[in-house]
Protein backbone atom coordinates (compact mmCIF):
# COMPACT_ATOMS: atom_id res chain seq x y z
CA MET A 1 1.08 -15.75 18.53
CA SER A 2 4.12 -17.97 19.08
CA VAL A 3 6.30 -16.24 21.65
CA PRO A 4 9.27 -18.60 21.22
CA LEU A 5 9.35 -18.22 17.44
CA THR A 6 8.83 -14.47 17.66
CA LEU A 7 11.73 -14.13 20.11
CA LEU A 8 13.87 -16.30 17.82
CA GLY A 9 12.96 -14.01 14.93
CA LEU A 10 13.98 -10.97 16.93
CA LEU A 11 17.27 -12.66 17.81
CA ASP A 12 17.85 -13.47 14.14
CA ARG A 13 18.42 -9.72 13.63
CA GLU A 14 21.17 -9.48 16.25
CA PRO A 15 22.14 -10.87 19.65
CA SER A 16 20.16 -9.14 22.40
CA HIS A 17 19.53 -9.02 26.14
CA GLY A 18 16.21 -10.28 27.46
CA TYR A 19 15.21 -6.73 28.38
CA ASP A 20 15.76 -5.57 24.78
CA LEU A 21 13.80 -8.54 23.42
CA LYS A 22 10.86 -7.71 25.70
CA ARG A 23 10.96 -4.06 24.65
CA ASP A 24 10.94 -4.96 20.94
CA TYR A 25 8.29 -7.64 21.37
CA ASP A 26 6.01 -5.24 23.25
CA ALA A 27 6.58 -2.46 20.69
CA PHE A 28 5.61 -4.58 17.70
CA PHE A 29 3.55 -7.51 18.95
CA GLY A 30 2.38 -6.82 22.50
CA ARG A 31 -0.20 -4.12 21.83
CA GLY A 32 -2.50 -4.24 24.82
CA LYS A 33 -0.82 -7.38 26.16
CA PRO A 34 2.84 -6.85 27.02
CA LEU A 35 5.01 -9.90 27.47
CA PRO A 36 5.86 -10.53 31.15
CA PHE A 37 9.59 -10.53 31.95
CA GLY A 38 9.26 -13.97 33.52
CA GLN A 39 7.90 -15.37 30.26
CA VAL A 40 10.77 -13.83 28.29
CA TYR A 41 13.41 -15.45 30.48
CA SER A 42 11.66 -18.81 30.84
CA THR A 43 11.24 -18.94 27.05
CA LEU A 44 14.89 -18.03 26.51
CA GLY A 45 15.84 -20.77 28.97
CA ARG A 46 13.85 -23.38 27.01
CA LEU A 47 15.27 -22.12 23.71
CA ALA A 48 18.80 -22.44 25.14
CA ARG A 49 18.03 -25.92 26.49
CA ASP A 50 16.79 -26.95 23.02
CA GLY A 51 19.90 -25.59 21.30
CA LYS A 52 18.10 -22.76 19.48
CA VAL A 53 19.87 -19.91 21.29
CA THR A 54 23.06 -19.52 23.28
CA ALA A 55 23.43 -17.34 26.33
CA GLY A 56 26.60 -15.31 26.67
CA GLU A 57 28.44 -14.61 29.88
CA ALA A 58 26.75 -12.31 32.38
CA GLU A 59 27.58 -8.67 31.65
CA PRO A 60 27.49 -5.91 34.23
CA GLY A 61 24.98 -3.17 33.52
CA ASP A 62 22.92 -0.48 35.19
CA GLY A 63 20.90 -3.15 36.99
CA PRO A 64 21.49 -6.84 37.59
CA ASP A 65 24.02 -8.65 35.42
CA ARG A 66 22.56 -9.42 32.01
CA LYS A 67 23.21 -12.10 29.41
CA ARG A 68 23.24 -11.47 25.70
CA TYR A 69 21.39 -14.19 23.77
CA ALA A 70 22.26 -15.21 20.21
CA ILE A 71 20.37 -17.45 17.81
CA THR A 72 22.01 -20.71 16.72
CA GLU A 73 21.87 -22.29 13.28
CA THR A 74 19.14 -24.62 14.59
CA GLY A 75 17.10 -21.64 15.75
CA ARG A 76 17.67 -19.81 12.48
CA ARG A 77 16.43 -22.81 10.46
CA GLU A 78 13.32 -23.01 12.66
CA VAL A 79 12.54 -19.31 12.10
CA GLU A 80 13.04 -19.66 8.35
CA SER A 81 10.76 -22.71 8.25
CA TRP A 82 8.11 -20.95 10.36
CA LEU A 83 8.17 -17.83 8.18
CA ALA A 84 7.83 -19.91 5.02
CA GLN A 85 4.71 -21.76 6.22
CA PRO A 86 1.34 -20.01 5.91
CA ALA A 87 -0.53 -19.50 9.16
CA GLU A 88 -3.63 -21.58 9.79
CA PRO A 89 -6.67 -19.74 8.45
CA GLU A 90 -8.72 -18.28 11.28
CA PRO A 91 -11.21 -18.56 12.79
CA HIS A 92 -11.69 -22.21 13.49
CA LEU A 93 -15.07 -23.66 12.64
CA GLN A 94 -15.93 -24.11 16.33
CA THR A 95 -15.79 -20.58 17.72
CA VAL A 96 -16.63 -19.19 21.13
CA LEU A 97 -19.45 -17.16 19.56
CA PHE A 98 -21.03 -20.29 18.10
CA ALA A 99 -20.65 -22.24 21.34
CA LYS A 100 -22.34 -19.48 23.34
CA VAL A 101 -25.30 -19.31 20.95
CA VAL A 102 -25.84 -23.07 21.01
CA LEU A 103 -25.45 -23.26 24.80
CA ALA A 104 -27.86 -20.35 25.24
CA LEU A 105 -30.42 -22.27 23.18
CA MET A 106 -29.78 -25.51 25.08
CA LEU A 107 -30.19 -23.76 28.42
CA GLY A 108 -33.32 -21.88 27.40
CA HIS A 109 -31.62 -18.49 27.52
CA PRO A 110 -32.46 -15.82 24.94
CA ALA A 111 -29.78 -16.38 22.29
CA ALA A 112 -30.94 -13.29 20.40
CA ASP A 113 -30.15 -11.15 23.46
CA TYR A 114 -26.66 -12.65 23.58
CA LEU A 115 -26.16 -11.88 19.88
CA ASP A 116 -27.39 -8.30 20.40
CA ALA A 117 -24.99 -7.80 23.32
CA GLN A 118 -22.14 -9.29 21.30
CA ARG A 119 -22.95 -7.03 18.35
CA ALA A 120 -22.89 -3.98 20.65
CA ALA A 121 -19.50 -5.05 22.10
CA HIS A 122 -18.10 -5.54 18.59
CA LEU A 123 -19.35 -2.13 17.48
CA ARG A 124 -17.76 -0.46 20.53
CA ARG A 125 -14.44 -2.14 19.74
CA MET A 126 -14.73 -1.14 16.09
CA ARG A 127 -15.14 2.51 17.13
CA GLU A 128 -11.99 2.26 19.25
CA LEU A 129 -10.03 0.67 16.41
CA THR A 130 -11.32 3.22 13.92
CA GLU A 131 -10.04 6.02 16.16
CA LEU A 132 -6.68 4.24 16.42
CA ARG A 133 -6.54 4.04 12.62
CA ARG A 134 -7.07 7.81 12.41
CA THR A 135 -4.44 8.77 14.97
CA GLY A 136 -1.99 5.92 15.41
CA PRO A 137 1.40 5.14 13.94
CA THR A 138 1.65 2.73 11.00
CA VAL A 139 2.04 -0.41 13.13
CA ASP A 140 -1.11 0.45 15.11
CA VAL A 141 -3.00 1.28 11.91
CA LEU A 142 -2.17 -2.10 10.38
CA LEU A 143 -3.12 -3.95 13.56
CA ALA A 144 -6.35 -1.94 13.80
CA ASP A 145 -7.17 -2.86 10.19
CA TYR A 146 -6.63 -6.53 10.98
CA GLY A 147 -8.91 -6.31 14.01
CA LEU A 148 -11.57 -4.38 12.11
CA PHE A 149 -11.68 -6.91 9.30
CA HIS A 150 -12.17 -9.74 11.80
CA LEU A 151 -14.85 -7.83 13.68
CA GLU A 152 -16.66 -7.09 10.41
CA ALA A 153 -16.69 -10.81 9.60
CA ASP A 154 -18.00 -11.57 13.10
CA LEU A 155 -20.78 -9.01 12.63
CA ARG A 156 -21.81 -10.65 9.35
CA TRP A 157 -21.85 -14.01 11.14
CA ILE A 158 -23.93 -12.57 14.01
CA ASP A 159 -26.49 -11.24 11.51
CA ALA A 160 -26.62 -14.54 9.61
CA THR A 161 -26.95 -16.53 12.84
CA GLU A 162 -29.70 -14.27 14.12
CA ALA A 163 -31.60 -14.86 10.88
CA ARG A 164 -31.26 -18.64 11.40
CA LEU A 165 -31.92 -18.78 15.16
CA GLY A 166 -35.29 -20.45 14.66
CA SER A 167 -33.90 -23.35 12.66
CA LEU A 168 -30.89 -23.67 14.98
CA ALA A 169 -33.18 -23.71 18.03
CA GLU A 170 -35.25 -26.46 16.38
CA LEU A 171 -32.10 -28.48 15.66
CA VAL A 172 -30.94 -28.08 19.27
CA ARG A 173 -34.39 -29.14 20.57
CA THR A 174 -34.58 -32.21 18.36
CA THR A 175 -31.02 -33.23 19.25
CA GLU A 176 -31.76 -32.78 22.96
CA THR A 177 -35.03 -34.70 22.61
CA GLY A 178 -33.29 -37.51 20.75
CA LYS A 179 -30.89 -38.01 23.69
CA SER A 180 -33.62 -38.59 26.27
């Protein structure tokens, strides 16, 4: 998730205070991981420095004085370009799951046990997401679907890897032996 581009996109709707940007970011994109206030303001500072947003004069409010930020034409072009480009397909070929399996084999640990534990963790998370799909608002349902689809793919990979552990272990052994 690109925080700077997401904040620019939110500003493309209308000028906003940092507090309002954080609230909107958290409501739509920060499920389970809200954006820290410090990150909002440091990002806005960099965007202003780079000419992508402008900061208005400090306005008095209920709390400390606040600035209203507005997107510039440069920022708007960057958002439009970003939205037009497809995201990189995920996951990358070198995943954490794969690295853990290979390292477990290299270190003589039971890779099958790791895969079983990972499968159990994925299934627990899938149950949580399934419940969210049943009871949550539309945004949560769509995000839960996205997570479930990725977890389902991971589970298929875990099953396929478990079926090939013997040949992978042999490959790891021969590669390790070849280095000696």
